[in-house]
Amino acid sequence: MAASLVQVPETPHRVRFQDCDMLGHLNNARYLDYFLNAREEHALQHYTLNLGELAQELGAGWVITKHCIAYLRPARHAETVLIRTQLIHFDNSNLVVEMQMLREDGLQLKAVLWSEMVFVRVPGGTRTEHSDALMDLLEELDVEEVSYDPDGFDERVRRLRKDLKRERNG
C-alpha cells in the first residue's frame, strides 16, 4: 500500500427526511445504516476494498458480532454530519472498527459506534483466519493511538468528548 494510506477517512453526509423520527431527529436504528454505509464507502474509496467482491474472491467475509453505540446529541433533518471511521483493533480473525458521527465542522460528537466483527467462511459461517495480505493491510490501517479495551467503550466516549471540547475551546 502507498505511504499516503488514510487511516481515519471521513465523509460528510446529509441527514435525510425519511430517516428521521417525528421530532426531526435521525432515528436511532438509522445511525447504524449511516455508519456502515460510510465505512463501506471508505473501504472502497481509500483501500480499493470491495467487501462483496472480497467475500467472493476469498470465500470469506466479516460478520458483525457486536455493536456498542452511544447517542450523544441528535442529528437533525437536513443537517450535514461528518462520519469518521477507523480500525482500532484486529487479530488473526477479528477486528473492531470505531465510527464517529460529528457536527459538520468535526468539533462536536453526536454518536460513537464500535462494531466488532469476525472473519468467517462463506457459506458455512465458520470462523477463519485473515490471509497474510489482509493482515498486512490491517496492520497499515490500525490506528495505534487508540488503545482498545473490550470493556473500555464508555471511557473512550468520555475521552473523545473531552478532547473535542478542548479543541473547540482552543
N, C-alpha and C. Protein backbone atom coordinates (compact mmCIF):
# COMPACT_ATOMS: atom_id res chain seq x y z
N MET A 1 0.84 -1.18 0.00
CA MET A 1 0.00 0.00 0.00
C MET A 1 0.88 1.24 0.00
N ALA A 2 0.33 2.32 -0.48
CA ALA A 2 1.06 3.58 -0.56
C ALA A 2 1.25 4.18 0.82
N ALA A 3 2.27 5.00 0.94
CA ALA A 3 2.56 5.66 2.20
C ALA A 3 1.46 6.63 2.60
N SER A 4 0.64 7.04 1.64
CA SER A 4 -0.41 8.03 1.91
C SER A 4 -1.74 7.38 2.33
N LEU A 5 -1.70 6.17 2.82
CA LEU A 5 -2.89 5.46 3.25
C LEU A 5 -3.63 6.27 4.33
N VAL A 6 -4.90 6.49 4.14
CA VAL A 6 -5.71 7.26 5.08
C VAL A 6 -6.23 6.31 6.16
N GLN A 7 -5.74 6.47 7.38
CA GLN A 7 -6.19 5.60 8.46
C GLN A 7 -7.55 6.01 9.02
N VAL A 8 -7.86 7.30 8.96
CA VAL A 8 -9.12 7.79 9.52
C VAL A 8 -9.86 8.60 8.44
N PRO A 9 -10.47 7.89 7.49
CA PRO A 9 -11.23 8.61 6.46
C PRO A 9 -12.49 9.22 7.04
N GLU A 10 -12.94 10.27 6.40
CA GLU A 10 -14.19 10.91 6.83
C GLU A 10 -14.94 11.42 5.61
N THR A 11 -16.25 11.42 5.73
CA THR A 11 -17.10 11.92 4.66
C THR A 11 -18.28 12.66 5.26
N PRO A 12 -18.73 13.73 4.58
CA PRO A 12 -19.95 14.40 5.01
C PRO A 12 -21.17 13.62 4.53
N HIS A 13 -22.25 13.74 5.25
CA HIS A 13 -23.49 13.08 4.85
C HIS A 13 -24.66 13.93 5.33
N ARG A 14 -25.62 14.15 4.46
CA ARG A 14 -26.81 14.92 4.84
C ARG A 14 -27.87 13.99 5.41
N VAL A 15 -28.43 14.39 6.53
CA VAL A 15 -29.48 13.60 7.18
C VAL A 15 -30.77 13.75 6.38
N ARG A 16 -31.30 12.64 5.93
CA ARG A 16 -32.48 12.62 5.06
C ARG A 16 -33.79 12.59 5.87
N PHE A 17 -34.80 13.22 5.31
CA PHE A 17 -36.12 13.29 5.94
C PHE A 17 -36.65 11.90 6.28
N GLN A 18 -36.54 10.97 5.32
CA GLN A 18 -37.10 9.63 5.50
C GLN A 18 -36.42 8.85 6.62
N ASP A 19 -35.25 9.31 7.07
CA ASP A 19 -34.50 8.62 8.11
C ASP A 19 -34.77 9.19 9.51
N CYS A 20 -35.66 10.16 9.59
CA CYS A 20 -35.89 10.86 10.84
C CYS A 20 -37.20 10.44 11.51
N ASP A 21 -37.27 10.66 12.81
CA ASP A 21 -38.49 10.42 13.56
C ASP A 21 -39.38 11.67 13.48
N MET A 22 -40.50 11.66 14.19
CA MET A 22 -41.43 12.78 14.10
C MET A 22 -40.90 14.07 14.72
N LEU A 23 -39.81 13.99 15.48
CA LEU A 23 -39.18 15.19 16.04
C LEU A 23 -38.12 15.77 15.12
N GLY A 24 -37.90 15.10 13.99
CA GLY A 24 -36.88 15.57 13.05
C GLY A 24 -35.48 15.12 13.41
N HIS A 25 -35.37 14.15 14.32
CA HIS A 25 -34.08 13.59 14.71
C HIS A 25 -33.83 12.30 13.93
N LEU A 26 -32.58 12.05 13.60
CA LEU A 26 -32.23 10.80 12.95
C LEU A 26 -32.67 9.64 13.84
N ASN A 27 -33.43 8.72 13.27
CA ASN A 27 -33.91 7.56 14.00
C ASN A 27 -32.72 6.74 14.50
N ASN A 28 -32.79 6.27 15.73
CA ASN A 28 -31.67 5.54 16.33
C ASN A 28 -31.19 4.37 15.48
N ALA A 29 -32.10 3.62 14.89
CA ALA A 29 -31.70 2.47 14.08
C ALA A 29 -30.96 2.91 12.81
N ARG A 30 -31.26 4.09 12.31
CA ARG A 30 -30.63 4.56 11.07
C ARG A 30 -29.17 4.97 11.27
N TYR A 31 -28.78 5.26 12.51
CA TYR A 31 -27.37 5.57 12.76
C TYR A 31 -26.49 4.42 12.27
N LEU A 32 -26.93 3.19 12.54
CA LEU A 32 -26.15 2.03 12.09
C LEU A 32 -26.00 2.03 10.58
N ASP A 33 -27.08 2.31 9.87
CA ASP A 33 -27.01 2.37 8.41
C ASP A 33 -26.03 3.44 7.95
N TYR A 34 -26.11 4.62 8.54
CA TYR A 34 -25.22 5.71 8.14
C TYR A 34 -23.77 5.32 8.39
N PHE A 35 -23.50 4.75 9.56
CA PHE A 35 -22.13 4.36 9.90
C PHE A 35 -21.61 3.27 8.97
N LEU A 36 -22.37 2.21 8.80
CA LEU A 36 -21.90 1.08 7.99
C LEU A 36 -21.78 1.45 6.52
N ASN A 37 -22.68 2.28 6.02
CA ASN A 37 -22.56 2.74 4.63
C ASN A 37 -21.31 3.59 4.46
N ALA A 38 -21.03 4.43 5.43
CA ALA A 38 -19.81 5.27 5.35
C ALA A 38 -18.57 4.39 5.36
N ARG A 39 -18.53 3.38 6.24
CA ARG A 39 -17.35 2.51 6.29
C ARG A 39 -17.17 1.75 4.99
N GLU A 40 -18.26 1.28 4.41
CA GLU A 40 -18.17 0.58 3.13
C GLU A 40 -17.59 1.51 2.06
N GLU A 41 -18.06 2.76 2.03
CA GLU A 41 -17.53 3.73 1.07
C GLU A 41 -16.06 4.04 1.34
N HIS A 42 -15.70 4.16 2.60
CA HIS A 42 -14.30 4.42 2.95
C HIS A 42 -13.41 3.26 2.50
N ALA A 43 -13.86 2.04 2.72
CA ALA A 43 -13.07 0.87 2.33
C ALA A 43 -12.87 0.84 0.82
N LEU A 44 -13.92 1.16 0.09
CA LEU A 44 -13.84 1.15 -1.37
C LEU A 44 -12.99 2.31 -1.89
N GLN A 45 -13.26 3.50 -1.39
CA GLN A 45 -12.58 4.70 -1.90
C GLN A 45 -11.11 4.77 -1.50
N HIS A 46 -10.80 4.45 -0.25
CA HIS A 46 -9.44 4.66 0.26
C HIS A 46 -8.56 3.42 0.19
N TYR A 47 -9.18 2.22 0.18
CA TYR A 47 -8.37 0.99 0.21
C TYR A 47 -8.66 0.09 -0.98
N THR A 48 -9.47 0.58 -1.93
CA THR A 48 -9.94 -0.22 -3.07
C THR A 48 -10.36 -1.62 -2.63
N LEU A 49 -11.10 -1.66 -1.56
CA LEU A 49 -11.55 -2.90 -0.95
C LEU A 49 -13.06 -3.00 -1.10
N ASN A 50 -13.52 -3.77 -2.09
CA ASN A 50 -14.94 -4.02 -2.28
C ASN A 50 -15.28 -5.25 -1.47
N LEU A 51 -16.05 -5.05 -0.39
CA LEU A 51 -16.29 -6.14 0.55
C LEU A 51 -17.05 -7.31 -0.07
N GLY A 52 -17.97 -7.02 -0.99
CA GLY A 52 -18.70 -8.10 -1.66
C GLY A 52 -17.79 -8.91 -2.56
N GLU A 53 -16.96 -8.23 -3.34
CA GLU A 53 -16.02 -8.93 -4.22
C GLU A 53 -14.99 -9.71 -3.40
N LEU A 54 -14.56 -9.11 -2.30
CA LEU A 54 -13.58 -9.78 -1.44
C LEU A 54 -14.16 -11.10 -0.92
N ALA A 55 -15.40 -11.08 -0.50
CA ALA A 55 -16.04 -12.30 0.01
C ALA A 55 -16.11 -13.37 -1.08
N GLN A 56 -16.38 -12.96 -2.31
CA GLN A 56 -16.43 -13.92 -3.41
C GLN A 56 -15.04 -14.47 -3.73
N GLU A 57 -14.05 -13.58 -3.78
CA GLU A 57 -12.68 -13.99 -4.11
C GLU A 57 -12.08 -14.92 -3.06
N LEU A 58 -12.27 -14.57 -1.79
CA LEU A 58 -11.64 -15.33 -0.71
C LEU A 58 -12.53 -16.42 -0.15
N GLY A 59 -13.82 -16.36 -0.47
CA GLY A 59 -14.77 -17.31 0.12
C GLY A 59 -14.94 -17.04 1.61
N ALA A 60 -14.72 -15.77 2.00
CA ALA A 60 -14.84 -15.40 3.42
C ALA A 60 -15.13 -13.90 3.50
N GLY A 61 -15.71 -13.49 4.62
CA GLY A 61 -16.01 -12.08 4.84
C GLY A 61 -16.24 -11.81 6.31
N TRP A 62 -16.35 -10.53 6.63
CA TRP A 62 -16.56 -10.13 8.02
C TRP A 62 -18.04 -10.11 8.35
N VAL A 63 -18.36 -10.64 9.52
CA VAL A 63 -19.72 -10.63 10.03
C VAL A 63 -19.70 -9.90 11.37
N ILE A 64 -20.64 -8.99 11.53
CA ILE A 64 -20.71 -8.22 12.78
C ILE A 64 -21.23 -9.13 13.89
N THR A 65 -20.51 -9.12 15.01
CA THR A 65 -20.92 -9.92 16.17
C THR A 65 -21.42 -9.06 17.32
N LYS A 66 -21.07 -7.76 17.30
CA LYS A 66 -21.47 -6.91 18.42
C LYS A 66 -21.35 -5.45 18.03
N HIS A 67 -22.33 -4.64 18.47
CA HIS A 67 -22.26 -3.19 18.34
C HIS A 67 -22.32 -2.58 19.74
N CYS A 68 -21.51 -1.56 19.97
CA CYS A 68 -21.64 -0.70 21.14
C CYS A 68 -21.85 0.70 20.58
N ILE A 69 -22.96 1.34 20.95
CA ILE A 69 -23.24 2.67 20.39
C ILE A 69 -23.64 3.62 21.50
N ALA A 70 -23.18 4.85 21.38
CA ALA A 70 -23.56 5.92 22.30
C ALA A 70 -24.18 7.03 21.46
N TYR A 71 -25.41 7.41 21.82
CA TYR A 71 -26.10 8.52 21.17
C TYR A 71 -25.90 9.74 22.07
N LEU A 72 -25.18 10.73 21.61
CA LEU A 72 -24.79 11.84 22.47
C LEU A 72 -25.55 13.13 22.18
N ARG A 73 -25.75 13.44 20.92
CA ARG A 73 -26.51 14.64 20.51
C ARG A 73 -27.29 14.26 19.25
N PRO A 74 -28.48 14.82 19.10
CA PRO A 74 -29.28 14.43 17.93
C PRO A 74 -28.67 14.94 16.62
N ALA A 75 -28.78 14.11 15.60
CA ALA A 75 -28.51 14.53 14.23
C ALA A 75 -29.89 14.89 13.66
N ARG A 76 -30.01 16.06 13.10
CA ARG A 76 -31.32 16.58 12.71
C ARG A 76 -31.53 16.57 11.20
N HIS A 77 -32.80 16.52 10.82
CA HIS A 77 -33.17 16.53 9.41
C HIS A 77 -32.46 17.66 8.66
N ALA A 78 -31.90 17.34 7.50
CA ALA A 78 -31.22 18.26 6.57
C ALA A 78 -29.87 18.73 7.07
N GLU A 79 -29.46 18.32 8.24
CA GLU A 79 -28.14 18.68 8.76
C GLU A 79 -27.08 17.85 8.04
N THR A 80 -25.94 18.45 7.81
CA THR A 80 -24.80 17.69 7.28
C THR A 80 -23.93 17.28 8.45
N VAL A 81 -23.68 15.98 8.54
CA VAL A 81 -22.82 15.44 9.59
C VAL A 81 -21.54 14.91 8.94
N LEU A 82 -20.52 14.76 9.76
CA LEU A 82 -19.25 14.21 9.31
C LEU A 82 -19.12 12.83 9.94
N ILE A 83 -18.83 11.83 9.12
CA ILE A 83 -18.67 10.46 9.64
C ILE A 83 -17.22 10.03 9.44
N ARG A 84 -16.58 9.67 10.55
CA ARG A 84 -15.20 9.18 10.54
C ARG A 84 -15.22 7.71 10.91
N THR A 85 -14.35 6.93 10.28
CA THR A 85 -14.24 5.52 10.64
C THR A 85 -12.77 5.17 10.78
N GLN A 86 -12.49 4.21 11.66
CA GLN A 86 -11.11 3.79 11.85
C GLN A 86 -11.04 2.40 12.48
N LEU A 87 -10.04 1.66 12.06
CA LEU A 87 -9.78 0.35 12.65
C LEU A 87 -9.01 0.57 13.95
N ILE A 88 -9.55 0.05 15.06
CA ILE A 88 -8.87 0.27 16.35
C ILE A 88 -8.34 -1.02 16.97
N HIS A 89 -8.68 -2.17 16.37
CA HIS A 89 -8.16 -3.44 16.89
C HIS A 89 -8.33 -4.51 15.83
N PHE A 90 -7.37 -5.43 15.78
CA PHE A 90 -7.52 -6.61 14.93
C PHE A 90 -6.61 -7.70 15.46
N ASP A 91 -6.97 -8.94 15.11
CA ASP A 91 -6.10 -10.08 15.35
C ASP A 91 -6.29 -11.03 14.17
N ASN A 92 -5.95 -12.29 14.32
CA ASN A 92 -5.99 -13.24 13.20
C ASN A 92 -7.36 -13.43 12.56
N SER A 93 -8.44 -13.21 13.33
CA SER A 93 -9.77 -13.43 12.74
C SER A 93 -10.81 -12.40 13.19
N ASN A 94 -10.42 -11.41 13.96
CA ASN A 94 -11.37 -10.42 14.47
C ASN A 94 -10.89 -9.01 14.14
N LEU A 95 -11.84 -8.08 14.13
CA LEU A 95 -11.47 -6.67 14.08
C LEU A 95 -12.54 -5.83 14.73
N VAL A 96 -12.14 -4.62 15.13
CA VAL A 96 -13.06 -3.66 15.73
C VAL A 96 -12.88 -2.34 14.99
N VAL A 97 -14.00 -1.82 14.48
CA VAL A 97 -13.99 -0.54 13.78
C VAL A 97 -14.74 0.47 14.64
N GLU A 98 -14.10 1.60 14.86
CA GLU A 98 -14.77 2.70 15.57
C GLU A 98 -15.29 3.68 14.53
N MET A 99 -16.53 4.12 14.72
CA MET A 99 -17.14 5.08 13.82
C MET A 99 -17.69 6.23 14.65
N GLN A 100 -17.43 7.43 14.18
CA GLN A 100 -17.86 8.63 14.88
C GLN A 100 -18.72 9.48 13.96
N MET A 101 -19.82 9.98 14.50
CA MET A 101 -20.63 10.97 13.79
C MET A 101 -20.44 12.28 14.52
N LEU A 102 -20.04 13.30 13.77
CA LEU A 102 -19.75 14.59 14.34
C LEU A 102 -20.54 15.69 13.64
N ARG A 103 -20.58 16.84 14.29
CA ARG A 103 -21.10 18.04 13.63
C ARG A 103 -20.24 18.27 12.39
N GLU A 104 -20.76 18.98 11.42
CA GLU A 104 -20.08 19.14 10.13
C GLU A 104 -18.66 19.68 10.28
N ASP A 105 -18.41 20.54 11.27
CA ASP A 105 -17.07 21.10 11.46
C ASP A 105 -16.13 20.15 12.19
N GLY A 106 -16.64 18.98 12.60
CA GLY A 106 -15.82 17.97 13.25
C GLY A 106 -15.49 18.25 14.70
N LEU A 107 -16.16 19.24 15.31
CA LEU A 107 -15.80 19.65 16.66
C LEU A 107 -16.80 19.25 17.74
N GLN A 108 -17.87 18.57 17.36
CA GLN A 108 -18.82 18.11 18.37
C GLN A 108 -19.29 16.71 18.00
N LEU A 109 -19.20 15.81 18.96
CA LEU A 109 -19.54 14.41 18.76
C LEU A 109 -21.05 14.21 18.92
N LYS A 110 -21.65 13.52 17.95
CA LYS A 110 -23.07 13.20 18.01
C LYS A 110 -23.32 11.74 18.41
N ALA A 111 -22.45 10.85 17.92
CA ALA A 111 -22.60 9.43 18.24
C ALA A 111 -21.27 8.72 18.00
N VAL A 112 -21.08 7.63 18.72
CA VAL A 112 -19.90 6.78 18.55
C VAL A 112 -20.38 5.34 18.48
N LEU A 113 -19.77 4.58 17.57
CA LEU A 113 -20.11 3.16 17.41
C LEU A 113 -18.84 2.34 17.36
N TRP A 114 -18.82 1.26 18.10
CA TRP A 114 -17.80 0.23 17.94
C TRP A 114 -18.50 -0.98 17.33
N SER A 115 -17.99 -1.45 16.21
CA SER A 115 -18.51 -2.67 15.59
C SER A 115 -17.44 -3.74 15.66
N GLU A 116 -17.76 -4.82 16.35
CA GLU A 116 -16.86 -5.96 16.44
C GLU A 116 -17.25 -6.95 15.36
N MET A 117 -16.24 -7.45 14.64
CA MET A 117 -16.51 -8.36 13.53
C MET A 117 -15.58 -9.56 13.59
N VAL A 118 -16.07 -10.65 13.03
CA VAL A 118 -15.27 -11.87 12.91
C VAL A 118 -15.22 -12.25 11.43
N PHE A 119 -14.09 -12.77 11.01
CA PHE A 119 -13.90 -13.19 9.62
C PHE A 119 -14.37 -14.63 9.52
N VAL A 120 -15.35 -14.88 8.64
CA VAL A 120 -15.93 -16.22 8.53
C VAL A 120 -15.94 -16.71 7.09
N ARG A 121 -15.92 -18.04 6.95
CA ARG A 121 -16.04 -18.66 5.63
C ARG A 121 -17.47 -18.52 5.13
N VAL A 122 -17.57 -18.31 3.82
CA VAL A 122 -18.88 -18.24 3.18
C VAL A 122 -18.99 -19.50 2.32
N PRO A 123 -20.06 -20.26 2.38
CA PRO A 123 -21.32 -20.01 3.04
C PRO A 123 -21.43 -20.60 4.44
N GLY A 124 -20.46 -21.37 4.91
CA GLY A 124 -20.61 -22.10 6.17
C GLY A 124 -20.73 -21.25 7.42
N GLY A 125 -20.12 -20.07 7.42
CA GLY A 125 -20.20 -19.21 8.60
C GLY A 125 -19.24 -19.60 9.71
N THR A 126 -18.23 -20.41 9.40
CA THR A 126 -17.27 -20.79 10.44
C THR A 126 -16.11 -19.80 10.44
N ARG A 127 -15.62 -19.52 11.63
CA ARG A 127 -14.51 -18.59 11.80
C ARG A 127 -13.30 -19.07 11.01
N THR A 128 -12.61 -18.12 10.39
CA THR A 128 -11.40 -18.42 9.66
C THR A 128 -10.40 -17.29 9.91
N GLU A 129 -9.17 -17.51 9.54
CA GLU A 129 -8.14 -16.51 9.78
C GLU A 129 -7.96 -15.60 8.57
N HIS A 130 -7.55 -14.37 8.86
CA HIS A 130 -7.21 -13.43 7.79
C HIS A 130 -5.99 -13.94 7.04
N SER A 131 -5.97 -13.72 5.74
CA SER A 131 -4.80 -14.07 4.94
C SER A 131 -3.64 -13.17 5.32
N ASP A 132 -2.44 -13.53 4.90
CA ASP A 132 -1.27 -12.69 5.16
C ASP A 132 -1.44 -11.31 4.55
N ALA A 133 -2.00 -11.26 3.33
CA ALA A 133 -2.20 -9.97 2.66
C ALA A 133 -3.19 -9.10 3.45
N LEU A 134 -4.27 -9.71 3.97
CA LEU A 134 -5.21 -8.95 4.78
C LEU A 134 -4.57 -8.49 6.08
N MET A 135 -3.77 -9.35 6.69
CA MET A 135 -3.08 -8.97 7.93
C MET A 135 -2.16 -7.78 7.68
N ASP A 136 -1.48 -7.76 6.54
CA ASP A 136 -0.61 -6.63 6.19
C ASP A 136 -1.43 -5.35 6.04
N LEU A 137 -2.57 -5.45 5.36
CA LEU A 137 -3.44 -4.29 5.19
C LEU A 137 -3.96 -3.80 6.54
N LEU A 138 -4.44 -4.73 7.36
CA LEU A 138 -4.97 -4.36 8.67
C LEU A 138 -3.90 -3.70 9.54
N GLU A 139 -2.69 -4.19 9.42
CA GLU A 139 -1.57 -3.58 10.17
C GLU A 139 -1.38 -2.12 9.76
N GLU A 140 -1.50 -1.83 8.48
CA GLU A 140 -1.35 -0.46 8.00
C GLU A 140 -2.53 0.42 8.41
N LEU A 141 -3.72 -0.17 8.50
CA LEU A 141 -4.92 0.60 8.83
C LEU A 141 -5.11 0.81 10.32
N ASP A 142 -4.52 -0.02 11.13
CA ASP A 142 -4.73 0.03 12.58
C ASP A 142 -4.27 1.37 13.14
N VAL A 143 -5.17 2.04 13.85
CA VAL A 143 -4.86 3.32 14.48
C VAL A 143 -4.33 3.02 15.88
N GLU A 144 -3.03 2.99 16.00
CA GLU A 144 -2.39 2.57 17.25
C GLU A 144 -2.58 3.56 18.39
N GLU A 145 -2.90 4.83 18.06
CA GLU A 145 -3.10 5.82 19.12
C GLU A 145 -4.33 5.51 19.96
N VAL A 146 -5.25 4.72 19.42
CA VAL A 146 -6.45 4.34 20.17
C VAL A 146 -6.14 3.03 20.87
N SER A 147 -6.11 3.10 22.19
CA SER A 147 -5.85 1.91 22.99
C SER A 147 -7.17 1.15 23.19
N TYR A 148 -7.31 0.02 22.53
CA TYR A 148 -8.56 -0.73 22.57
C TYR A 148 -8.62 -1.62 23.81
N ASP A 149 -9.72 -1.51 24.52
CA ASP A 149 -10.05 -2.38 25.65
C ASP A 149 -11.50 -2.81 25.42
N PRO A 150 -11.77 -4.12 25.32
CA PRO A 150 -13.14 -4.57 25.04
C PRO A 150 -14.18 -3.99 26.00
N ASP A 151 -13.78 -3.67 27.22
CA ASP A 151 -14.70 -3.10 28.21
C ASP A 151 -14.54 -1.59 28.34
N GLY A 152 -13.81 -0.97 27.44
CA GLY A 152 -13.48 0.44 27.57
C GLY A 152 -14.28 1.40 26.72
N PHE A 153 -15.44 0.98 26.22
CA PHE A 153 -16.21 1.83 25.32
C PHE A 153 -16.61 3.15 25.99
N ASP A 154 -17.17 3.08 27.18
CA ASP A 154 -17.63 4.30 27.85
C ASP A 154 -16.48 5.26 28.13
N GLU A 155 -15.35 4.71 28.52
CA GLU A 155 -14.17 5.55 28.77
C GLU A 155 -13.70 6.20 27.46
N ARG A 156 -13.74 5.48 26.36
CA ARG A 156 -13.35 6.03 25.07
C ARG A 156 -14.26 7.19 24.68
N VAL A 157 -15.56 7.04 24.89
CA VAL A 157 -16.51 8.10 24.58
C VAL A 157 -16.21 9.34 25.42
N ARG A 158 -15.95 9.14 26.72
CA ARG A 158 -15.61 10.27 27.61
C ARG A 158 -14.36 10.99 27.10
N ARG A 159 -13.34 10.22 26.70
CA ARG A 159 -12.08 10.80 26.23
C ARG A 159 -12.30 11.61 24.94
N LEU A 160 -13.05 11.05 23.99
CA LEU A 160 -13.34 11.76 22.75
C LEU A 160 -14.05 13.08 23.01
N ARG A 161 -15.06 13.04 23.88
CA ARG A 161 -15.82 14.27 24.19
C ARG A 161 -14.92 15.31 24.83
N LYS A 162 -14.07 14.88 25.75
CA LYS A 162 -13.16 15.80 26.44
C LYS A 162 -12.18 16.42 25.44
N ASP A 163 -11.62 15.60 24.55
CA ASP A 163 -10.66 16.09 23.56
C ASP A 163 -11.31 17.10 22.61
N LEU A 164 -12.53 16.82 22.17
CA LEU A 164 -13.22 17.73 21.25
C LEU A 164 -13.60 19.03 21.96
N LYS A 165 -13.97 18.95 23.22
CA LYS A 165 -14.29 20.16 23.98
C LYS A 165 -13.06 21.05 24.10
N ARG A 166 -11.92 20.44 24.37
CA ARG A 166 -10.66 21.17 24.48
C ARG A 166 -10.33 21.83 23.13
N GLU A 167 -10.55 21.10 22.04
CA GLU A 167 -10.27 21.62 20.70
C GLU A 167 -11.19 22.80 20.37
N ARG A 168 -12.48 22.70 20.74
CA ARG A 168 -13.43 23.79 20.50
C ARG A 168 -13.05 25.05 21.27
N ASN A 169 -12.58 24.85 22.49
CA ASN A 169 -12.25 25.99 23.36
C ASN A 169 -10.88 26.56 23.08
N GLY A 170 -10.13 25.92 22.15
CA GLY A 170 -8.83 26.39 21.69
C GLY A 170 -7.83 26.41 22.78
